[in-house]
Amino acid sequence: MRIPCPCCGPRDRREFTYYGASVFLDRPAEDAALEAWDDYLHLRDNPAGVTRDLWYHDPCQSWLEVERNTVTHEVLSARPVVEARA
């Protein structure tokens, strides 16, 4: 799989570290109920199809949100997390 790094161009997947679904960035408030924290820490979807994931690109030290299809392995887009959350 090739991931299009916005800084370095298309790169092999082995240069990246997978971190999980991008919803991991949506942390509950510090004073949120225990149920919200339990859901955040332990419940994960595993959809077939288009997902948004967090990947870390080691050479340029960038966090990316990568949109990809888990069925076809097609990478649809990649952008810095800073832009994805703006």
C-alpha atoms as a PDB file:
ATOM      1  CA  MET A   1       0.000   0.000   0.000  1.00  0.00           C
ATOM      2  CA  ARG A   2       1.269   3.489  -0.868  1.00  0.00           C
ATOM      3  CA  ILE A   3       0.248   6.469   1.244  1.00  0.00           C
ATOM      4  CA  PRO A   4       0.471   9.987  -0.247  1.00  0.00           C
ATOM      5  CA  CYS A   5       2.327  11.980   2.413  1.00  0.00           C
ATOM      6  CA  PRO A   6       1.566  15.708   1.948  1.00  0.00           C
ATOM      7  CA  CYS A   7       5.205  16.516   2.804  1.00  0.00           C
ATOM      8  CA  CYS A   8       7.102  13.703   1.062  1.00  0.00           C
ATOM      9  CA  GLY A   9       4.831  12.447  -1.716  1.00  0.00           C
ATOM     10  CA  PRO A  10       3.710   8.825  -2.222  1.00  0.00           C
ATOM     11  CA  ARG A  11       5.526   6.535   0.216  1.00  0.00           C
ATOM     12  CA  ASP A  12       5.467   2.843   1.090  1.00  0.00           C
ATOM     13  CA  ARG A  13       3.268   1.862   4.034  1.00  0.00           C
ATOM     14  CA  ARG A  14       6.310   0.517   5.902  1.00  0.00           C
ATOM     15  CA  GLU A  15       7.451   4.107   6.571  1.00  0.00           C
ATOM     16  CA  PHE A  16       4.275   4.743   8.590  1.00  0.00           C
ATOM     17  CA  THR A  17       2.948   3.611  11.940  1.00  0.00           C
ATOM     18  CA  TYR A  18      -0.782   2.882  12.149  1.00  0.00           C
ATOM     19  CA  TYR A  19      -2.490   4.297  15.243  1.00  0.00           C
ATOM     20  CA  GLY A  20      -6.189   3.490  14.742  1.00  0.00           C
ATOM     21  CA  ALA A  21      -9.380   5.263  13.786  1.00  0.00           C
ATOM     22  CA  SER A  22      -9.249   9.062  13.674  1.00  0.00           C
ATOM     23  CA  VAL A  23     -12.131   9.258  16.159  1.00  0.00           C
ATOM     24  CA  PHE A  24      -9.413   8.667  18.769  1.00  0.00           C
ATOM     25  CA  LEU A  25      -8.816  12.425  18.535  1.00  0.00           C
ATOM     26  CA  ASP A  26     -12.337  13.081  19.853  1.00  0.00           C
ATOM     27  CA  ARG A  27     -11.520  12.678  23.543  1.00  0.00           C
ATOM     28  CA  PRO A  28     -14.288  13.138  26.106  1.00  0.00           C
ATOM     29  CA  ALA A  29     -14.062  16.168  28.366  1.00  0.00           C
ATOM     30  CA  GLU A  30     -11.891  15.677  31.428  1.00  0.00           C
ATOM     31  CA  ASP A  31     -14.978  15.698  33.659  1.00  0.00           C
ATOM     32  CA  ALA A  32     -17.056  13.436  31.371  1.00  0.00           C
ATOM     33  CA  ALA A  33     -18.998  10.523  32.825  1.00  0.00           C
ATOM     34  CA  LEU A  34     -17.215   7.200  33.284  1.00  0.00           C
ATOM     35  CA  GLU A  35     -19.401   5.673  30.565  1.00  0.00           C
ATOM     36  CA  ALA A  36     -18.055   8.194  28.028  1.00  0.00           C
ATOM     37  CA  TRP A  37     -14.478   7.317  28.950  1.00  0.00           C
ATOM     38  CA  ASP A  38     -15.237   3.585  28.849  1.00  0.00           C
ATOM     39  CA  ASP A  39     -16.718   3.950  25.355  1.00  0.00           C
ATOM     40  CA  TYR A  40     -13.754   6.047  24.208  1.00  0.00           C
ATOM     41  CA  LEU A  41     -11.147   3.609  25.510  1.00  0.00           C
ATOM     42  CA  HIS A  42     -12.743   0.246  24.765  1.00  0.00           C
ATOM     43  CA  LEU A  43     -15.384   0.400  22.033  1.00  0.00           C
ATOM     44  CA  ARG A  44     -14.149   0.396  18.438  1.00  0.00           C
ATOM     45  CA  ASP A  45     -15.931  -0.055  15.147  1.00  0.00           C
ATOM     46  CA  ASN A  46     -14.361  -2.280  12.509  1.00  0.00           C
ATOM     47  CA  PRO A  47     -16.196  -1.246   9.339  1.00  0.00           C
ATOM     48  CA  ALA A  48     -15.740  -2.734   5.911  1.00  0.00           C
ATOM     49  CA  GLY A  49     -15.356   0.102   3.450  1.00  0.00           C
ATOM     50  CA  VAL A  50     -14.207   3.711   3.768  1.00  0.00           C
ATOM     51  CA  THR A  51     -12.505   4.659   7.048  1.00  0.00           C
ATOM     52  CA  ARG A  52     -10.419   7.545   8.395  1.00  0.00           C
ATOM     53  CA  ASP A  53      -7.330   6.460  10.289  1.00  0.00           C
ATOM     54  CA  LEU A  54      -4.372   8.031  12.056  1.00  0.00           C
ATOM     55  CA  TRP A  55      -0.923   7.268  10.675  1.00  0.00           C
ATOM     56  CA  TYR A  56       2.455   8.615  11.792  1.00  0.00           C
ATOM     57  CA  HIS A  57       5.064   9.148   9.069  1.00  0.00           C
ATOM     58  CA  ASP A  58       8.434   8.486  10.650  1.00  0.00           C
ATOM     59  CA  PRO A  59      10.750  10.268   8.154  1.00  0.00           C
ATOM     60  CA  CYS A  60       9.005  13.663   8.320  1.00  0.00           C
ATOM     61  CA  GLN A  61       7.504  13.171  11.805  1.00  0.00           C
ATOM     62  CA  SER A  62       3.978  14.054  10.664  1.00  0.00           C
ATOM     63  CA  TRP A  63       0.622  12.800  11.951  1.00  0.00           C
ATOM     64  CA  LEU A  64      -1.784  12.156   9.073  1.00  0.00           C
ATOM     65  CA  GLU A  65      -5.461  11.372   8.754  1.00  0.00           C
ATOM     66  CA  VAL A  66      -5.698   8.846   5.932  1.00  0.00           C
ATOM     67  CA  GLU A  67      -8.994   8.047   4.269  1.00  0.00           C
ATOM     68  CA  ARG A  68      -8.923   4.557   2.809  1.00  0.00           C
ATOM     69  CA  ASN A  69     -11.148   1.714   1.744  1.00  0.00           C
ATOM     70  CA  THR A  70     -10.543  -1.400   3.869  1.00  0.00           C
ATOM     71  CA  VAL A  71     -12.133  -3.649   1.234  1.00  0.00           C
ATOM     72  CA  THR A  72     -10.196  -2.521  -1.856  1.00  0.00           C
ATOM     73  CA  HIS A  73      -7.100  -1.160  -0.009  1.00  0.00           C
ATOM     74  CA  GLU A  74      -7.421   2.039  -2.039  1.00  0.00           C
ATOM     75  CA  VAL A  75      -6.060   5.153  -0.321  1.00  0.00           C
ATOM     76  CA  LEU A  76      -8.466   7.994  -1.072  1.00  0.00           C
ATOM     77  CA  SER A  77      -6.692  10.911   0.633  1.00  0.00           C
ATOM     78  CA  ALA A  78      -4.171  11.896   3.283  1.00  0.00           C
ATOM     79  CA  ARG A  79      -3.829  15.181   5.103  1.00  0.00           C
ATOM     80  CA  PRO A  80      -2.077  16.460   8.204  1.00  0.00           C
ATOM     81  CA  VAL A  81      -4.122  15.989  11.373  1.00  0.00           C
ATOM     82  CA  VAL A  82      -3.814  19.720  12.049  1.00  0.00           C
ATOM     83  CA  GLU A  83      -5.770  20.446   8.847  1.00  0.00           C
ATOM     84  CA  ALA A  84      -8.222  17.605   9.407  1.00  0.00           C
ATOM     85  CA  ARG A  85      -9.258  19.027  12.789  1.00  0.00           C
ATOM     86  CA  ALA A  86      -9.364  22.706  11.786  1.00  0.00           C
END
